[in-house]
Amino acid sequence: MKFDHQADPVLGGVLAHWVNIRGARSMPARRDLVLRDIRRLLPHVQLVDVADGGTRFQHRLVGTKLVEMFGEEYTKKYLDELLTGVRYELMASLYTDVSRFKRPIFLRNLYRVPRGIEIITNRIYLPLSNDSETVTMILCAITFDSPHSLAGEWRTALLERGYVDREEIDPDTLRPFTASVG
């Protein structure tokens, strides 16, 4: 059973807002995003600047629920200051792909918080652009599940691979993108 990002109140809410402010353009601009319009979702939201020509990513805004769950305030910190190894590679490739493909990406993965607790993160990453060509910022929303909520094969796959699902989202249908990319 796949996770339905649209049915999630936070992920679906942020995605619907992104679609609304995008209009007919390929991506909305940061100036279109009025945070008070998604006030109830803000604890689960982060904004990430695409910096240095897309080679670095800086967290501009980090919601209070994210700080609580990840155990660290990382506003104003660059990704390469926070993570190393496999975790850094996963997140850097995700941010790079959102910037390169210019469309939303959904990710569901296993994460061990600093307190040693395993959680599942459900994430949606949405591109923002000042000129509808270059991604300058990424709007993210993250929710959490317990790995115990998964049964059988899903739990085994999660533990073996470290992630459950990664899908590019077609900005028109809001469903997983089916065309090959690359």
C-alpha atoms as a PDB file:
ATOM      1  CA  MET A   1       0.000   0.000   0.000  1.00  0.00           C
ATOM      2  CA  LYS A   2       1.536   3.289  -1.111  1.00  0.00           C
ATOM      3  CA  PHE A   3       1.365   6.422   0.984  1.00  0.00           C
ATOM      4  CA  ASP A   4      -1.117   8.944  -0.463  1.00  0.00           C
ATOM      5  CA  HIS A   5       0.604  12.319  -0.166  1.00  0.00           C
ATOM      6  CA  GLN A   6      -2.546  14.131  -1.310  1.00  0.00           C
ATOM      7  CA  ALA A   7      -4.640  12.606   1.484  1.00  0.00           C
ATOM      8  CA  ASP A   8      -2.158  13.710   4.142  1.00  0.00           C
ATOM      9  CA  PRO A   9      -3.611  16.923   5.666  1.00  0.00           C
ATOM     10  CA  VAL A  10      -0.218  18.652   5.804  1.00  0.00           C
ATOM     11  CA  LEU A  11       1.441  17.412   2.597  1.00  0.00           C
ATOM     12  CA  GLY A  12      -1.789  17.630   0.624  1.00  0.00           C
ATOM     13  CA  GLY A  13      -2.512  21.082   2.056  1.00  0.00           C
ATOM     14  CA  VAL A  14       0.904  22.475   1.140  1.00  0.00           C
ATOM     15  CA  LEU A  15       0.752  20.861  -2.300  1.00  0.00           C
ATOM     16  CA  ALA A  16      -2.734  22.304  -2.966  1.00  0.00           C
ATOM     17  CA  HIS A  17      -1.501  25.750  -1.884  1.00  0.00           C
ATOM     18  CA  TRP A  18       1.529  25.458  -4.198  1.00  0.00           C
ATOM     19  CA  VAL A  19      -0.756  24.558  -7.117  1.00  0.00           C
ATOM     20  CA  ASN A  20      -3.053  27.481  -6.288  1.00  0.00           C
ATOM     21  CA  ILE A  21      -0.284  30.096  -6.169  1.00  0.00           C
ATOM     22  CA  ARG A  22       1.441  28.608  -9.230  1.00  0.00           C
ATOM     23  CA  GLY A  23      -1.486  29.315 -11.518  1.00  0.00           C
ATOM     24  CA  ALA A  24      -0.581  28.680 -15.175  1.00  0.00           C
ATOM     25  CA  ARG A  25       3.168  28.970 -14.568  1.00  0.00           C
ATOM     26  CA  SER A  26       5.517  26.012 -14.203  1.00  0.00           C
ATOM     27  CA  MET A  27       6.419  27.116 -10.647  1.00  0.00           C
ATOM     28  CA  PRO A  28       5.281  29.861  -8.296  1.00  0.00           C
ATOM     29  CA  ALA A  29       7.708  32.500  -7.037  1.00  0.00           C
ATOM     30  CA  ARG A  30       8.669  32.945  -3.389  1.00  0.00           C
ATOM     31  CA  ARG A  31       6.835  36.275  -3.405  1.00  0.00           C
ATOM     32  CA  ASP A  32       3.610  34.353  -4.169  1.00  0.00           C
ATOM     33  CA  LEU A  33       3.947  32.320  -0.987  1.00  0.00           C
ATOM     34  CA  VAL A  34       2.182  34.142   1.848  1.00  0.00           C
ATOM     35  CA  LEU A  35       2.976  32.132   4.961  1.00  0.00           C
ATOM     36  CA  ARG A  36      -0.080  33.279   6.883  1.00  0.00           C
ATOM     37  CA  ASP A  37      -2.180  31.520   4.219  1.00  0.00           C
ATOM     38  CA  ILE A  38      -0.748  28.205   5.424  1.00  0.00           C
ATOM     39  CA  ARG A  39      -0.413  29.216   9.081  1.00  0.00           C
ATOM     40  CA  ARG A  40      -1.790  25.966  10.515  1.00  0.00           C
ATOM     41  CA  LEU A  41       0.716  23.959   8.437  1.00  0.00           C
ATOM     42  CA  LEU A  42       3.804  26.032   9.312  1.00  0.00           C
ATOM     43  CA  PRO A  43       5.052  23.763  12.127  1.00  0.00           C
ATOM     44  CA  HIS A  44       5.670  21.136   9.397  1.00  0.00           C
ATOM     45  CA  VAL A  45       7.141  23.479   6.764  1.00  0.00           C
ATOM     46  CA  GLN A  46      10.653  24.423   5.803  1.00  0.00           C
ATOM     47  CA  LEU A  47      11.987  26.757   3.130  1.00  0.00           C
ATOM     48  CA  VAL A  48      15.352  25.957   1.598  1.00  0.00           C
ATOM     49  CA  ASP A  49      17.371  28.440  -0.459  1.00  0.00           C
ATOM     50  CA  VAL A  50      19.121  27.039  -3.530  1.00  0.00           C
ATOM     51  CA  ALA A  51      22.536  28.687  -3.205  1.00  0.00           C
ATOM     52  CA  ASP A  52      25.857  28.846  -5.045  1.00  0.00           C
ATOM     53  CA  GLY A  53      24.395  27.911  -8.421  1.00  0.00           C
ATOM     54  CA  GLY A  54      22.544  24.920  -7.027  1.00  0.00           C
ATOM     55  CA  THR A  55      25.525  23.354  -5.278  1.00  0.00           C
ATOM     56  CA  ARG A  56      24.493  24.272  -1.711  1.00  0.00           C
ATOM     57  CA  PHE A  57      21.215  24.439   0.135  1.00  0.00           C
ATOM     58  CA  GLN A  58      20.480  26.695   3.103  1.00  0.00           C
ATOM     59  CA  HIS A  59      17.515  26.292   5.433  1.00  0.00           C
ATOM     60  CA  ARG A  60      15.789  29.671   5.612  1.00  0.00           C
ATOM     61  CA  LEU A  61      12.752  28.640   7.684  1.00  0.00           C
ATOM     62  CA  VAL A  62      12.245  25.510   9.787  1.00  0.00           C
ATOM     63  CA  GLY A  63       8.899  24.756  11.427  1.00  0.00           C
ATOM     64  CA  THR A  64       8.641  24.078  15.152  1.00  0.00           C
ATOM     65  CA  LYS A  65       7.448  20.475  14.694  1.00  0.00           C
ATOM     66  CA  LEU A  66      10.522  19.756  12.553  1.00  0.00           C
ATOM     67  CA  VAL A  67      12.856  21.230  15.166  1.00  0.00           C
ATOM     68  CA  GLU A  68      11.116  19.145  17.833  1.00  0.00           C
ATOM     69  CA  MET A  69      11.301  15.890  15.853  1.00  0.00           C
ATOM     70  CA  PHE A  70      14.818  16.296  14.477  1.00  0.00           C
ATOM     71  CA  GLY A  71      16.072  17.580  17.829  1.00  0.00           C
ATOM     72  CA  GLU A  72      17.866  20.601  16.428  1.00  0.00           C
ATOM     73  CA  GLU A  73      17.196  24.144  15.249  1.00  0.00           C
ATOM     74  CA  TYR A  74      18.757  24.330  11.807  1.00  0.00           C
ATOM     75  CA  THR A  75      17.412  27.610  10.446  1.00  0.00           C
ATOM     76  CA  LYS A  76      20.181  29.461   8.533  1.00  0.00           C
ATOM     77  CA  LYS A  77      22.326  26.310   8.359  1.00  0.00           C
ATOM     78  CA  TYR A  78      23.518  24.769   5.120  1.00  0.00           C
ATOM     79  CA  LEU A  79      22.767  21.135   4.401  1.00  0.00           C
ATOM     80  CA  ASP A  80      26.490  20.309   4.277  1.00  0.00           C
ATOM     81  CA  GLU A  81      26.869  21.756   7.794  1.00  0.00           C
ATOM     82  CA  LEU A  82      24.157  19.446   9.149  1.00  0.00           C
ATOM     83  CA  LEU A  83      24.567  16.083   7.469  1.00  0.00           C
ATOM     84  CA  THR A  84      27.319  13.775   6.276  1.00  0.00           C
ATOM     85  CA  GLY A  85      27.578  10.448   4.503  1.00  0.00           C
ATOM     86  CA  VAL A  86      24.491   8.664   3.230  1.00  0.00           C
ATOM     87  CA  ARG A  87      22.055  11.140   4.768  1.00  0.00           C
ATOM     88  CA  TYR A  88      23.799  14.072   3.127  1.00  0.00           C
ATOM     89  CA  GLU A  89      23.884  12.269  -0.241  1.00  0.00           C
ATOM     90  CA  LEU A  90      20.161  11.440  -0.029  1.00  0.00           C
ATOM     91  CA  MET A  91      19.091  14.985   0.804  1.00  0.00           C
ATOM     92  CA  ALA A  92      21.539  16.725  -1.552  1.00  0.00           C
ATOM     93  CA  SER A  93      20.386  14.540  -4.451  1.00  0.00           C
ATOM     94  CA  LEU A  94      16.764  15.238  -3.552  1.00  0.00           C
ATOM     95  CA  TYR A  95      17.246  19.031  -3.490  1.00  0.00           C
ATOM     96  CA  THR A  96      19.321  18.841  -6.682  1.00  0.00           C
ATOM     97  CA  ASP A  97      16.625  16.817  -8.453  1.00  0.00           C
ATOM     98  CA  VAL A  98      13.858  19.246  -7.436  1.00  0.00           C
ATOM     99  CA  SER A  99      16.016  22.060  -8.840  1.00  0.00           C
ATOM    100  CA  ARG A 100      16.939  20.187 -12.006  1.00  0.00           C
ATOM    101  CA  PHE A 101      13.557  18.641 -12.890  1.00  0.00           C
ATOM    102  CA  LYS A 102      11.570  21.678 -11.649  1.00  0.00           C
ATOM    103  CA  ARG A 103       8.724  19.611 -10.278  1.00  0.00           C
ATOM    104  CA  PRO A 104       7.587  18.260  -6.926  1.00  0.00           C
ATOM    105  CA  ILE A 105       9.125  15.166  -5.387  1.00  0.00           C
ATOM    106  CA  PHE A 106       7.634  13.004  -2.652  1.00  0.00           C
ATOM    107  CA  LEU A 107       9.907  10.984  -0.365  1.00  0.00           C
ATOM    108  CA  ARG A 108       9.113   8.604   2.449  1.00  0.00           C
ATOM    109  CA  ASN A 109      12.083   7.381   4.433  1.00  0.00           C
ATOM    110  CA  LEU A 110      13.296   5.982   7.696  1.00  0.00           C
ATOM    111  CA  TYR A 111      15.040   8.456   9.966  1.00  0.00           C
ATOM    112  CA  ARG A 112      16.668   7.968  13.330  1.00  0.00           C
ATOM    113  CA  VAL A 113      16.339  11.113  15.433  1.00  0.00           C
ATOM    114  CA  PRO A 114      19.189  12.109  17.759  1.00  0.00           C
ATOM    115  CA  ARG A 115      17.331  10.568  20.715  1.00  0.00           C
ATOM    116  CA  GLY A 116      17.713   7.196  18.961  1.00  0.00           C
ATOM    117  CA  ILE A 117      14.053   6.836  18.017  1.00  0.00           C
ATOM    118  CA  GLU A 118      13.218   5.598  14.520  1.00  0.00           C
ATOM    119  CA  ILE A 119      10.515   7.488  12.656  1.00  0.00           C
ATOM    120  CA  ILE A 120       9.195   7.513   9.130  1.00  0.00           C
ATOM    121  CA  THR A 121       9.226  10.888   7.440  1.00  0.00           C
ATOM    122  CA  ASN A 122       6.730  11.712   4.698  1.00  0.00           C
ATOM    123  CA  ARG A 123       8.055  14.636   2.688  1.00  0.00           C
ATOM    124  CA  ILE A 124       7.017  16.719  -0.268  1.00  0.00           C
ATOM    125  CA  TYR A 125       9.432  19.119  -1.954  1.00  0.00           C
ATOM    126  CA  LEU A 126       8.070  21.885  -4.193  1.00  0.00           C
ATOM    127  CA  PRO A 127      10.130  24.210  -6.416  1.00  0.00           C
ATOM    128  CA  LEU A 128       9.837  27.994  -6.275  1.00  0.00           C
ATOM    129  CA  SER A 129      11.279  30.258  -8.972  1.00  0.00           C
ATOM    130  CA  ASN A 130      11.532  34.000  -9.443  1.00  0.00           C
ATOM    131  CA  ASP A 131      11.639  33.679 -13.253  1.00  0.00           C
ATOM    132  CA  SER A 132       9.763  30.385 -13.909  1.00  0.00           C
ATOM    133  CA  GLU A 133      13.047  28.905 -15.155  1.00  0.00           C
ATOM    134  CA  THR A 134      15.551  28.633 -12.307  1.00  0.00           C
ATOM    135  CA  VAL A 135      14.619  27.100  -8.970  1.00  0.00           C
ATOM    136  CA  THR A 136      15.699  29.568  -6.283  1.00  0.00           C
ATOM    137  CA  MET A 137      13.950  28.056  -3.268  1.00  0.00           C
ATOM    138  CA  ILE A 138      12.313  24.797  -2.260  1.00  0.00           C
ATOM    139  CA  LEU A 139       9.144  24.642  -0.178  1.00  0.00           C
ATOM    140  CA  CYS A 140       9.059  21.459   1.908  1.00  0.00           C
ATOM    141  CA  ALA A 141       6.452  19.883   4.144  1.00  0.00           C
ATOM    142  CA  ILE A 142       7.183  16.929   6.413  1.00  0.00           C
ATOM    143  CA  THR A 143       4.962  14.664   8.506  1.00  0.00           C
ATOM    144  CA  PHE A 144       5.895  11.691  10.656  1.00  0.00           C
ATOM    145  CA  ASP A 145       4.764   8.105  11.249  1.00  0.00           C
ATOM    146  CA  SER A 146       5.973   5.317  13.481  1.00  0.00           C
ATOM    147  CA  PRO A 147       7.756   2.457  11.672  1.00  0.00           C
ATOM    148  CA  HIS A 148       5.536   0.163  13.749  1.00  0.00           C
ATOM    149  CA  SER A 149       2.583   1.388  11.682  1.00  0.00           C
ATOM    150  CA  LEU A 150       3.994  -0.585   8.740  1.00  0.00           C
ATOM    151  CA  ALA A 151       3.434  -4.293   8.488  1.00  0.00           C
ATOM    152  CA  GLY A 152       5.226  -7.218   6.891  1.00  0.00           C
ATOM    153  CA  GLU A 153       6.937  -6.545   3.578  1.00  0.00           C
ATOM    154  CA  TRP A 154       6.784  -2.761   3.934  1.00  0.00           C
ATOM    155  CA  ARG A 155       8.603  -2.833   7.256  1.00  0.00           C
ATOM    156  CA  THR A 156      11.238  -5.225   5.887  1.00  0.00           C
ATOM    157  CA  ALA A 157      11.769  -3.044   2.809  1.00  0.00           C
ATOM    158  CA  LEU A 158      12.006   0.043   4.968  1.00  0.00           C
ATOM    159  CA  LEU A 159      14.623  -1.462   7.237  1.00  0.00           C
ATOM    160  CA  GLU A 160      16.645  -2.990   4.403  1.00  0.00           C
ATOM    161  CA  ARG A 161      16.673  -0.009   2.034  1.00  0.00           C
ATOM    162  CA  GLY A 162      16.305   2.847   4.488  1.00  0.00           C
ATOM    163  CA  TYR A 163      13.466   4.353   2.491  1.00  0.00           C
ATOM    164  CA  VAL A 164      10.018   3.372   1.355  1.00  0.00           C
ATOM    165  CA  ASP A 165       9.187   5.556  -1.582  1.00  0.00           C
ATOM    166  CA  ARG A 166      10.475   8.382  -3.779  1.00  0.00           C
ATOM    167  CA  GLU A 167       8.315   9.710  -6.573  1.00  0.00           C
ATOM    168  CA  GLU A 168       8.418  12.675  -8.853  1.00  0.00           C
ATOM    169  CA  ILE A 169       5.030  14.348  -8.889  1.00  0.00           C
ATOM    170  CA  ASP A 170       3.437  15.495 -12.129  1.00  0.00           C
ATOM    171  CA  PRO A 171       2.528  19.144 -11.403  1.00  0.00           C
ATOM    172  CA  ASP A 172      -0.594  18.886 -13.567  1.00  0.00           C
ATOM    173  CA  THR A 173      -2.130  15.673 -12.221  1.00  0.00           C
ATOM    174  CA  LEU A 174      -0.466  15.770  -8.760  1.00  0.00           C
ATOM    175  CA  ARG A 175       0.064  12.019  -9.067  1.00  0.00           C
ATOM    176  CA  PRO A 176       3.385  10.198  -9.540  1.00  0.00           C
ATOM    177  CA  PHE A 177       5.121  11.152 -12.756  1.00  0.00           C
ATOM    178  CA  THR A 178       5.140   8.188 -15.140  1.00  0.00           C
ATOM    179  CA  ALA A 179       7.446   9.359 -17.933  1.00  0.00           C
ATOM    180  CA  SER A 180      11.107   8.452 -17.674  1.00  0.00           C
ATOM    181  CA  VAL A 181      13.336  11.318 -16.619  1.00  0.00           C
ATOM    182  CA  GLY A 182      16.960  11.950 -17.315  1.00  0.00           C
END
